[in-house]
């Protein structure tokens, strides 16, 4: 198929000197109409060039300016526009002061060659002198300003220098960063009642690596390509005076912990706060789903039972039973699914929860997640409020081993109680206390208490202003576990216990 010939565009715009692409009809910078540029004259035979730096009479010309090593020279470049200088203005018909340049005489350095006068035979053009019409550019000299430079041997002379980084990032969209900053101020970083969903999910998510790119639906940044952390890798939530933080840790590939926090009121108007923390059993199938289902079910059960007047200890017992049913339901898979994966066991998790009302502290648990009591007055003794359902705890209770020996054994963390369809028997543990002083209840998984096992060690790492800044204190505790190695998922919830009313009993 025949095509109409197209005039080659100049290498640079005659108006603004911006680089042009081959085939451009208008300058992309100033809009100059390139179709108005007259075509270069055709069929001018090339002139034979003499030895570099020597004129026809043996006169040494000034050496040409050094050529950039990044731009190779091409022989027989097309000539400049007829009758114009490097800025597109008409060339004078004579040399300076009205004297024409005699044929065969050298042109003074820096003086333009008159239009129509060929360069001296065998002499290179002086540095800074434009090439006269019809003459090819000397080999090794830069192309005249405004001259069209077609591609030669696959080399682009109008291409900007390539940066050292072969994968340089494109400029970020400022609208994305601005909208993300506004969304961060409006929504903050929080979780839902189960601590697994982030607020403001409809807003555009910004990459955590480059802080500017938009995140695709597949979880990767459109700007730098980094994979984004999953929303359960780090979760935070604050509900009234209670707060919780959960983190994946430094060694696990996912977060198998979950939590639920909330606050409500009893029928008499007394405020009540609650927290539930669950730890998925890693050796079971889908432990992350088990902990999420259990924490949601228990949190919803407590928020429904407490306003109806159910005693907090009974409400917590029923919440653990509801959590067990939710985890058991995960094992009800189709028969075809069990045929394909017969080796898989039922999902399982541990659970620990606490309810704090005026003058009453209730805890409940199954497994080895724990609750601690830390008084506001650190001169008073702290206490551990739960007993583990674990091999080590059984050895200590039976008097067969000391606590130090039992927890040093590799079987120490083998649990003897959990929520799941294959649990031996569901035995929720509950206990109630009436502290006679203000303090805080620390509800956590073993990802934290492994780095502060005793009540005294836990008391030392809880910030003194925990009652005023519970979320900050929870972050500090998670940071303590990460600084210690972060070998497991880390989850902690803090429930401040207010000063009890007069006449309250002691814990």
Protein backbone atom coordinates (compact mmCIF):
# COMPACT_ATOMS: atom_id res chain seq x y z
CA UNK A 1 0.00 0.00 0.00
CA UNK A 2 1.44 3.30 -1.07
CA UNK A 3 1.71 6.15 1.36
CA UNK A 4 2.09 9.86 1.05
CA UNK A 5 5.64 10.97 1.82
CA UNK A 6 5.95 12.94 5.01
CA UNK A 7 8.35 15.79 5.58
CA UNK A 8 10.78 15.06 8.39
CA UNK A 9 10.25 17.26 11.43
CA UNK A 10 13.18 19.32 12.77
CA UNK A 11 15.08 17.85 15.72
CA UNK A 12 14.22 20.93 17.75
CA UNK A 13 11.41 23.45 17.50
CA UNK A 14 12.57 26.55 15.54
CA UNK A 15 10.54 28.69 17.95
CA UNK A 16 11.38 27.38 21.45
CA UNK A 17 14.21 24.87 20.76
CA UNK A 18 12.35 22.04 22.52
CA UNK A 19 13.15 18.48 21.24
CA UNK A 20 10.66 17.07 18.71
CA UNK A 21 9.62 13.57 17.74
CA UNK A 22 9.76 12.35 14.16
CA UNK A 23 6.46 13.07 12.41
CA UNK A 24 5.33 15.87 14.78
CA UNK A 25 3.18 18.49 13.08
CA UNK A 26 3.11 20.90 16.02
CA UNK A 27 5.52 21.61 18.87
CA UNK A 28 4.28 20.03 22.10
CA UNK A 29 5.69 22.91 24.17
CA UNK A 30 4.74 26.12 22.31
CA UNK A 31 2.37 24.84 19.60
CA UNK A 32 4.55 26.05 16.69
CA UNK A 33 3.20 24.90 13.31
CA UNK A 34 5.98 22.68 11.95
CA UNK A 35 4.25 22.30 8.61
CA UNK A 36 5.20 25.92 7.84
CA UNK A 37 8.92 25.11 8.00
CA UNK A 38 10.25 24.90 4.39
CA UNK A 39 11.70 21.58 3.31
CA UNK A 40 15.44 21.13 3.17
CA UNK A 41 16.94 21.40 -0.33
CA UNK A 42 17.60 18.13 -2.06
CA UNK A 43 20.38 16.61 -4.22
CA UNK A 44 23.30 18.68 -2.96
CA UNK A 45 26.44 16.59 -3.38
CA UNK A 46 28.54 16.19 -0.25
CA UNK A 47 31.80 18.09 -0.06
CA UNK A 48 35.02 16.24 0.50
CA UNK A 49 36.38 17.13 3.92
CA UNK A 50 40.09 17.59 4.40
CA UNK A 51 42.22 16.73 7.35
CA UNK A 52 40.70 17.88 10.61
CA UNK A 53 41.90 21.25 11.77
CA UNK A 54 43.74 22.25 8.55
CA UNK A 55 42.38 24.70 5.96
CA UNK A 56 43.10 24.81 2.23
CA UNK A 57 46.08 27.15 2.77
CA UNK A 58 47.43 25.35 5.80
CA UNK A 59 45.69 27.71 8.21
CA UNK A 60 44.87 25.99 11.49
CA UNK A 61 41.23 26.41 12.41
CA UNK A 62 40.24 26.58 16.04
CA UNK A 63 39.44 23.02 17.16
CA UNK A 64 35.73 22.21 17.38
CA UNK A 65 34.07 22.09 20.75
CA UNK A 66 34.19 18.59 22.28
CA UNK A 67 31.19 16.44 21.52
CA UNK A 68 29.24 14.90 24.40
CA UNK A 69 30.07 11.22 24.77
CA UNK A 70 26.39 10.44 25.30
CA UNK A 71 25.38 11.66 21.79
CA UNK A 72 27.22 9.93 18.90
CA UNK A 73 27.75 11.87 15.69
CA UNK A 74 26.16 10.76 12.44
CA UNK A 75 27.78 11.38 9.03
CA UNK A 76 25.98 13.35 6.34
CA UNK A 77 23.37 14.95 8.59
CA UNK A 78 20.67 16.92 6.73
CA UNK A 79 21.45 20.60 6.34
CA UNK A 80 19.93 23.56 8.15
CA UNK A 81 16.99 25.53 6.87
CA UNK A 82 17.94 27.65 3.83
CA UNK A 83 18.65 31.28 4.54
CA UNK A 84 18.25 31.08 8.30
CA UNK A 85 20.60 31.00 11.25
CA UNK A 86 20.36 28.80 14.35
CA UNK A 87 17.53 30.88 15.78
CA UNK A 88 15.46 30.79 12.58
CA UNK A 89 16.38 34.38 11.52
CA UNK A 90 17.55 35.27 7.94
CA UNK A 91 21.29 35.10 7.41
CA UNK A 92 23.07 38.27 6.16
CA UNK A 93 24.20 38.29 2.55
CA UNK A 94 27.70 39.41 3.52
CA UNK A 95 30.17 39.03 6.32
CA UNK A 96 30.30 41.55 9.18
CA UNK A 97 30.83 45.18 8.23
CA UNK A 98 29.38 44.48 4.78
CA UNK A 99 32.40 42.63 3.43
CA UNK A 100 31.54 39.43 1.56
CA UNK A 101 33.69 36.44 2.28
CA UNK A 102 36.02 35.81 -0.65
CA UNK A 103 35.92 32.32 -2.12
CA UNK A 104 38.61 30.12 -0.68
CA UNK A 105 39.38 32.31 2.31
CA UNK A 106 38.84 31.00 5.80
CA UNK A 107 35.87 32.25 7.76
CA UNK A 108 36.81 34.03 11.02
CA UNK A 109 35.98 32.11 14.19
CA UNK A 110 32.42 32.82 15.29
CA UNK A 111 31.39 34.48 12.00
CA UNK A 112 28.37 33.09 10.14
CA UNK A 113 28.85 31.85 6.62
CA UNK A 114 26.80 33.88 4.11
CA UNK A 115 23.82 32.18 2.60
CA UNK A 116 24.76 30.45 -0.62
CA UNK A 117 28.52 30.43 0.06
CA UNK A 118 29.99 26.97 0.40
CA UNK A 119 32.45 26.21 3.13
CA UNK A 120 36.14 26.25 2.13
CA UNK A 121 37.05 23.02 0.44
CA UNK A 122 38.56 20.53 2.84
CA UNK A 123 38.08 22.76 5.88
CA UNK A 124 35.96 21.91 8.88
CA UNK A 125 33.51 24.50 10.07
CA UNK A 126 34.70 26.67 12.95
CA UNK A 127 33.13 26.10 16.35
CA UNK A 128 29.93 28.08 16.64
CA UNK A 129 29.50 28.58 12.88
CA UNK A 130 26.25 27.38 11.30
CA UNK A 131 26.44 25.01 8.37
CA UNK A 132 25.56 26.73 5.07
CA UNK A 133 22.64 25.37 3.07
CA UNK A 134 23.50 22.39 0.98
CA UNK A 135 26.56 21.42 3.03
CA UNK A 136 26.68 18.36 5.22
CA UNK A 137 27.74 18.72 8.83
CA UNK A 138 31.33 17.68 9.48
CA UNK A 139 31.77 14.27 11.08
CA UNK A 140 32.04 14.62 14.84
CA UNK A 141 30.40 18.07 15.06
CA UNK A 142 27.00 18.64 16.60
CA UNK A 143 23.99 19.08 14.35
CA UNK A 144 23.00 22.73 13.73
CA UNK A 145 20.20 24.09 15.88
CA UNK A 146 16.89 23.58 14.12
CA UNK A 147 18.15 20.96 11.67
CA UNK A 148 15.97 17.89 11.13
CA UNK A 149 17.75 14.78 12.40
CA UNK A 150 16.13 11.58 11.12
CA UNK A 151 16.90 8.31 12.91
CA UNK A 152 20.15 6.74 11.72
CA UNK A 153 21.05 3.13 12.46
CA UNK A 154 18.45 2.97 15.23
CA UNK A 155 19.90 5.95 17.17
CA UNK A 156 17.63 8.73 18.43
CA UNK A 157 19.45 12.05 18.77
CA UNK A 158 16.47 13.90 20.21
CA UNK A 159 16.01 11.43 23.08
CA UNK A 160 16.64 12.92 26.56
CA UNK A 161 19.43 11.36 28.63
CA UNK A 162 18.41 8.07 30.24
CA UNK A 163 18.59 8.19 34.06
CA UNK A 164 20.78 5.76 35.94
CA UNK A 165 17.70 4.03 37.32
CA UNK A 166 16.32 1.81 34.58
CA UNK A 167 13.03 1.61 36.46
CA UNK A 168 12.53 5.19 37.48
CA UNK A 169 9.11 5.79 39.06
CA UNK A 170 6.67 7.98 37.26
CA UNK A 171 5.67 11.22 38.87
CA UNK A 172 3.03 10.59 41.57
CA UNK A 173 -0.42 11.97 41.11
CA UNK A 174 -0.75 14.79 43.64
CA UNK A 175 -4.52 14.36 43.69
CA UNK A 176 -4.13 10.84 45.09
CA UNK A 177 -1.78 11.95 47.86
CA UNK A 178 -3.99 14.91 48.75
CA UNK A 179 -7.16 12.84 48.92
CA UNK A 180 -5.38 10.17 50.94
CA UNK A 181 -4.13 12.71 53.44
CA UNK A 182 -7.67 14.03 53.88
CA UNK A 183 -9.06 10.54 54.34
CA UNK A 184 -6.40 9.72 56.93
CA UNK A 185 -7.33 12.78 58.95
CA UNK A 186 -11.04 12.02 58.78
CA UNK A 187 -11.06 8.26 59.39
CA UNK A 188 -7.87 7.42 61.28
CA UNK A 189 -6.68 3.82 61.60
CA UNK A 190 -9.27 1.73 63.39
CA UNK A 191 -10.88 -1.69 63.22
CA UNK A 192 -14.47 -2.87 63.41
CA UNK A 193 -15.99 -4.76 66.36
CA UNK A 194 -13.92 -7.81 65.51
CA UNK A 195 -10.77 -5.85 64.79
CA UNK A 196 -10.49 -7.00 61.18
CA UNK A 197 -11.91 -4.28 58.93
CA UNK A 198 -10.61 -0.75 58.45
CA UNK A 199 -12.69 2.39 58.53
CA UNK A 200 -13.14 4.43 55.38
CA UNK A 201 -12.66 1.44 53.08
CA UNK A 202 -14.40 3.23 50.23
CA UNK A 203 -11.63 5.85 50.05
CA UNK A 204 -8.61 5.46 47.80
CA UNK A 205 -5.84 3.59 49.59
CA UNK A 206 -2.34 5.05 49.35
CA UNK A 207 0.80 2.91 49.10
CA UNK A 208 2.64 2.49 52.39
CA UNK A 209 5.99 2.31 50.53
CA UNK A 210 6.03 5.38 48.26
CA UNK A 211 3.23 7.27 50.07
CA UNK A 212 1.90 8.56 46.75
CA UNK A 213 0.67 5.74 44.50
CA UNK A 214 -2.87 4.39 44.38
CA UNK A 215 -3.34 0.76 45.44
CA UNK A 216 -4.98 -1.57 42.93
CA UNK A 217 -7.76 -4.00 43.79
CA UNK A 218 -5.17 -6.78 43.76
CA UNK A 219 -3.24 -5.11 46.60
CA UNK A 220 -0.31 -3.68 44.64
CA UNK A 221 0.75 -0.04 44.20
CA UNK A 222 0.20 1.37 40.70
CA UNK A 223 3.22 3.66 41.14
CA UNK A 224 6.00 1.55 42.66
CA UNK A 225 4.52 -1.96 42.46
CA UNK A 226 4.92 -2.81 46.15
CA UNK A 227 2.52 -5.33 47.67
CA UNK A 228 0.48 -3.76 50.44
CA UNK A 229 0.09 -5.25 53.90
CA UNK A 230 -3.16 -7.08 54.54
CA UNK A 231 -5.60 -5.29 56.79
CA UNK A 232 -5.21 -7.92 59.54
CA UNK A 233 -1.42 -7.51 59.64
CA UNK A 234 -1.86 -4.59 62.03
CA UNK A 235 -5.15 -3.60 63.65
CA UNK A 236 -6.03 -0.94 66.19
CA UNK A 237 -9.30 0.05 67.80
CA UNK A 238 -10.47 2.27 70.62
CA UNK A 239 -13.98 2.07 72.07
CA UNK A 240 -14.62 4.43 74.94
CA UNK A 241 -12.01 3.79 77.64
CA UNK A 242 -10.95 0.39 76.22
CA UNK A 243 -8.41 -0.06 73.42
CA UNK A 244 -6.73 -2.95 71.59
CA UNK A 245 -3.87 -3.46 69.15
CA UNK A 246 -2.97 -6.58 67.14
CA UNK A 247 0.11 -7.14 64.98
CA UNK A 248 1.33 -9.96 62.76
CA UNK A 249 4.76 -9.96 64.41
CA UNK A 250 8.11 -10.42 62.70
CA UNK A 251 8.16 -14.16 61.95
CA UNK A 252 4.64 -15.19 60.89
CA UNK A 253 3.35 -14.75 57.36
CA UNK A 254 -0.14 -13.76 58.56
CA UNK A 255 -1.94 -12.59 61.68
CA UNK A 256 -3.94 -15.42 63.26
CA UNK A 257 -5.09 -13.30 66.22
CA UNK A 258 -8.32 -11.31 66.43
CA UNK A 259 -10.06 -9.16 69.00
CA UNK A 260 -13.32 -7.43 69.82
CA UNK A 261 -13.74 -4.41 72.06
CA UNK A 262 -16.82 -2.39 72.99
CA UNK A 263 -18.65 -0.44 75.64
CA UNK A 264 -22.29 -0.37 76.67
CA UNK A 265 -24.45 0.34 79.72
CA UNK A 266 -26.25 -1.90 82.18
CA UNK A 267 -30.01 -1.46 82.77
CA UNK A 268 -29.32 0.92 85.67
CA UNK A 269 -27.14 3.11 83.47
CA UNK A 270 -23.83 1.86 84.88
CA UNK A 271 -21.18 1.85 82.14
CA UNK A 272 -19.59 -1.45 81.14
CA UNK A 273 -16.59 -2.11 78.90
CA UNK A 274 -15.54 -5.41 77.37
CA UNK A 275 -12.69 -6.97 75.44
CA UNK A 276 -12.25 -10.38 73.82
CA UNK A 277 -8.93 -11.66 72.44
CA UNK A 278 -8.56 -14.88 70.42
CA UNK A 279 -5.45 -16.70 69.21
CA UNK A 280 -5.74 -19.15 66.30
CA UNK A 281 -4.14 -22.56 66.79
CA UNK A 282 -1.46 -22.68 64.09
CA UNK A 283 -1.48 -26.46 63.82
CA UNK A 284 -5.18 -26.41 62.92
CA UNK A 285 -6.81 -25.57 59.60
CA UNK A 286 -7.72 -21.91 58.96
CA UNK A 287 -6.73 -20.60 62.40
CA UNK A 288 -7.18 -17.00 61.29
CA UNK A 289 -10.82 -17.68 60.42
CA UNK A 290 -11.39 -19.42 63.74
CA UNK A 291 -10.08 -16.50 65.82
CA UNK A 292 -12.06 -13.97 63.80
CA UNK A 293 -15.32 -15.93 64.07
CA UNK A 294 -14.87 -16.48 67.81
CA UNK A 295 -14.06 -12.86 68.66
CA UNK A 296 -17.00 -11.57 66.63
CA UNK A 297 -19.46 -14.01 68.15
CA UNK A 298 -18.31 -13.36 71.72
CA UNK A 299 -18.28 -9.58 71.32
CA UNK A 300 -21.77 -9.52 69.82
CA UNK A 301 -23.10 -11.83 72.56
CA UNK A 302 -21.76 -9.56 75.33
CA UNK A 303 -23.09 -6.38 73.75
CA UNK A 304 -26.51 -8.04 73.49
CA UNK A 305 -26.63 -9.61 76.98
CA UNK A 306 -25.24 -6.89 79.25
CA UNK A 307 -27.89 -4.20 78.49
CA UNK A 308 -30.60 -6.76 79.24
CA UNK A 309 -29.42 -7.17 82.81
CA UNK A 310 -27.51 -10.45 82.51
CA UNK A 311 -24.87 -10.73 85.19
CA UNK A 312 -21.45 -9.99 83.64
CA UNK A 313 -19.99 -13.36 84.68
CA UNK A 314 -22.93 -15.28 83.21
CA UNK A 315 -22.84 -13.11 80.09
CA UNK A 316 -19.15 -13.87 79.59
CA UNK A 317 -19.76 -17.61 80.01
CA UNK A 318 -22.49 -17.55 77.37
CA UNK A 319 -20.28 -15.45 75.08
CA UNK A 320 -17.57 -18.13 75.19
CA UNK A 321 -20.17 -20.78 74.34
CA UNK A 322 -21.38 -18.68 71.40
CA UNK A 323 -17.78 -18.31 70.22
CA UNK A 324 -17.34 -22.09 70.40
CA UNK A 325 -20.40 -22.63 68.22
CA UNK A 326 -19.09 -20.13 65.66
CA UNK A 327 -15.77 -21.98 65.41
CA UNK A 328 -17.49 -25.36 65.22
CA UNK A 329 -19.53 -24.12 62.29
CA UNK A 330 -16.35 -23.60 60.28
CA UNK A 331 -15.77 -27.36 60.32
CA UNK A 332 -19.08 -28.02 58.55
CA UNK A 333 -17.61 -28.31 55.05
CA UNK A 334 -19.15 -30.14 52.09
CA UNK A 335 -18.28 -33.81 51.81
CA UNK A 336 -16.48 -33.14 48.53
CA UNK A 337 -14.14 -30.67 50.26
CA UNK A 338 -13.20 -33.21 52.93
CA UNK A 339 -12.50 -35.81 50.22
CA UNK A 340 -9.94 -33.52 48.57
CA UNK A 341 -8.26 -32.59 51.88
CA UNK A 342 -8.78 -35.53 54.24
CA UNK A 343 -5.68 -34.66 56.30
CA UNK A 344 -7.00 -31.30 57.45
CA UNK A 345 -8.32 -30.92 60.97
CA UNK A 346 -11.00 -28.60 62.31
CA UNK A 347 -10.31 -24.87 62.80
CA UNK A 348 -9.45 -24.00 66.41
CA UNK A 349 -8.47 -21.06 68.61
CA UNK A 350 -8.09 -19.94 72.21
CA UNK A 351 -10.13 -17.18 73.85
CA UNK A 352 -9.86 -14.80 76.80
CA UNK A 353 -12.25 -12.01 77.67
CA UNK A 354 -12.98 -9.48 80.37
CA UNK A 355 -15.90 -7.29 81.42
CA UNK A 356 -15.39 -4.27 83.69
CA UNK A 357 -18.26 -2.51 85.39
CA UNK A 358 -18.44 -0.24 88.41
CA UNK A 359 -16.67 -2.17 91.17
CA UNK A 360 -16.67 -5.53 89.36
CA UNK A 361 -14.05 -7.21 87.18
CA UNK A 362 -14.90 -10.46 85.36
CA UNK A 363 -12.60 -12.66 83.26
CA UNK A 364 -13.25 -15.82 81.22
CA UNK A 365 -10.98 -18.00 79.10
CA UNK A 366 -10.28 -21.28 77.32
CA UNK A 367 -6.67 -22.01 76.33
CA UNK A 368 -3.46 -20.19 77.15
CA UNK A 369 -4.32 -16.55 76.39
CA UNK A 370 -4.14 -14.56 79.63
CA UNK A 371 -5.50 -11.66 81.69
CA UNK A 372 -3.40 -9.65 84.18
CA UNK A 373 -4.30 -7.13 86.85
CA UNK A 374 -1.98 -4.10 87.09
CA UNK A 375 -2.90 -1.55 89.82
CA UNK A 376 -2.49 2.15 89.20
CA UNK A 377 -0.37 2.37 92.33
CA UNK A 378 2.65 0.32 91.28
CA UNK A 379 3.65 -0.17 94.92
CA UNK A 380 0.67 -2.56 95.16
CA UNK A 381 1.22 -6.10 93.87
CA UNK A 382 -0.04 -7.04 90.36
CA UNK A 383 -1.67 -10.42 89.70
CA UNK A 384 -2.33 -12.92 86.95
CA UNK A 385 -6.08 -13.55 86.73
CA UNK A 386 -6.15 -16.69 84.54
CA UNK A 387 -4.64 -20.19 84.56
CA UNK A 388 -3.43 -21.70 81.31
CA UNK A 389 -5.01 -24.75 79.73
CA UNK A 390 -1.56 -26.09 78.82
CA UNK A 391 0.82 -28.95 79.45
CA UNK A 392 3.10 -26.77 81.59
CA UNK A 393 0.25 -25.60 83.81
CA UNK A 394 -0.87 -29.20 84.36
CA UNK A 395 2.64 -30.25 85.34
CA UNK A 396 2.87 -27.41 87.88
CA UNK A 397 -0.64 -28.07 89.25
CA UNK A 398 0.18 -31.75 89.71
CA UNK A 399 3.39 -30.87 91.55
CA UNK A 400 5.50 -32.79 89.05
CA UNK A 401 7.62 -29.83 87.95
CA UNK A 402 8.38 -26.32 89.08
CA UNK A 403 7.02 -23.47 87.01
CA UNK A 404 10.48 -22.61 85.70
CA UNK A 405 11.14 -26.22 84.69
CA UNK A 406 7.73 -26.67 83.10
CA UNK A 407 7.89 -23.55 80.94
CA UNK A 408 11.45 -24.36 79.88
CA UNK A 409 10.23 -27.65 78.39
CA UNK A 410 9.53 -27.77 74.67
CA UNK A 411 6.01 -29.06 75.44
CA UNK A 412 5.18 -26.08 77.65
CA UNK A 413 2.84 -24.37 75.19
CA UNK A 414 0.96 -27.47 74.12
CA UNK A 415 -2.62 -26.49 74.99
CA UNK A 416 -5.12 -28.81 76.63
CA UNK A 417 -8.19 -26.68 76.01
CA UNK A 418 -9.41 -24.77 72.95
CA UNK A 419 -12.46 -23.85 70.90
CA UNK A 420 -13.11 -26.12 67.94
CA UNK A 421 -15.08 -29.08 66.69
CA UNK A 422 -12.36 -31.51 67.78
CA UNK A 423 -11.99 -30.15 71.32
CA UNK A 424 -12.22 -32.79 74.03
CA UNK A 425 -14.84 -30.95 76.04
CA UNK A 426 -15.80 -27.29 76.28
CA UNK A 427 -15.09 -26.04 79.80
CA UNK A 428 -15.22 -22.23 79.92
CA UNK A 429 -13.42 -20.79 82.94
CA UNK A 430 -14.81 -17.63 84.52
CA UNK A 431 -13.89 -15.66 87.62
CA UNK A 432 -14.98 -12.36 89.17
CA UNK A 433 -13.03 -9.89 91.28
CA UNK A 434 -13.76 -6.69 93.20
CA UNK A 435 -10.54 -4.64 93.31
CA UNK A 436 -10.35 -2.02 96.04
CA UNK A 437 -8.22 0.38 93.97
CA UNK A 438 -8.02 1.64 90.37
CA UNK A 439 -5.90 -0.20 87.82
CA UNK A 440 -6.00 -1.80 84.41
CA UNK A 441 -6.83 -5.27 83.07
CA UNK A 442 -4.37 -6.53 80.44
CA UNK A 443 -5.95 -9.12 78.12
CA UNK A 444 -3.42 -10.64 75.73
CA UNK A 445 -2.20 -13.61 73.70
CA UNK A 446 1.04 -15.48 74.35
CA UNK A 447 2.69 -13.33 71.67
CA UNK A 448 2.93 -10.67 74.39
CA UNK A 449 3.21 -12.57 77.65
CA UNK A 450 6.08 -14.66 76.31
CA UNK A 451 8.12 -11.45 76.71
CA UNK A 452 6.60 -10.49 80.08
CA UNK A 453 5.45 -13.74 81.65
CA UNK A 454 5.07 -12.88 85.33
CA UNK A 455 2.66 -10.31 86.69
CA UNK A 456 5.60 -8.22 87.93
CA UNK A 457 7.18 -8.17 84.47
CA UNK A 458 3.86 -7.19 82.89
CA UNK A 459 3.41 -4.41 85.44
CA UNK A 460 6.82 -2.99 84.57
CA UNK A 461 6.07 -2.54 80.86
CA UNK A 462 2.54 -1.09 81.20
CA UNK A 463 2.79 2.73 80.86
CA UNK A 464 1.80 4.74 83.93
CA UNK A 465 -0.70 6.84 81.96
CA UNK A 466 -2.61 3.82 80.65
CA UNK A 467 -5.92 5.10 82.06
CA UNK A 468 -5.58 8.35 80.12
CA UNK A 469 -4.12 6.90 76.90
CA UNK A 470 -5.13 3.24 76.60
CA UNK A 471 -4.48 3.03 72.83
CA UNK A 472 -0.99 4.47 73.25
CA UNK A 473 -0.30 2.00 76.06
CA UNK A 474 -1.46 -0.91 73.89
CA UNK A 475 0.93 0.20 71.15
CA UNK A 476 3.76 0.34 73.67
CA UNK A 477 3.07 -3.24 74.78
CA UNK A 478 2.97 -4.54 71.21
CA UNK A 479 6.20 -2.67 70.53
CA UNK A 480 7.78 -4.38 73.54
CA UNK A 481 6.99 -7.80 72.02
CA UNK A 482 8.32 -6.77 68.60
CA UNK A 483 11.51 -5.42 70.14
CA UNK A 484 11.91 -8.73 71.94
CA UNK A 485 11.84 -10.65 68.65
CA UNK A 486 8.19 -10.75 67.57
CA UNK A 487 8.24 -14.53 67.18
CA UNK A 488 4.43 -14.78 67.31
CA UNK A 489 1.37 -12.72 66.53
CA UNK A 490 0.85 -10.09 69.23
CA UNK A 491 -2.54 -8.91 70.51
CA UNK A 492 -3.38 -6.95 73.65
CA UNK A 493 -6.48 -5.18 74.96
CA UNK A 494 -6.48 -2.79 77.91
CA UNK A 495 -9.52 -2.14 80.13
CA UNK A 496 -9.01 0.61 82.73
CA UNK A 497 -10.68 -0.16 86.04
CA UNK A 498 -11.97 3.03 87.72
CA UNK A 499 -11.75 3.78 91.40
CA UNK A 500 -14.35 1.52 93.05
CA UNK A 501 -17.22 2.95 95.07
CA UNK A 502 -16.93 3.07 98.81
CA UNK A 503 -17.46 -0.28 100.53
CA UNK A 504 -16.23 -2.45 97.65
CA UNK A 505 -14.40 -5.65 98.54
CA UNK A 506 -10.84 -6.53 97.64
CA UNK A 507 -9.66 -8.73 94.81
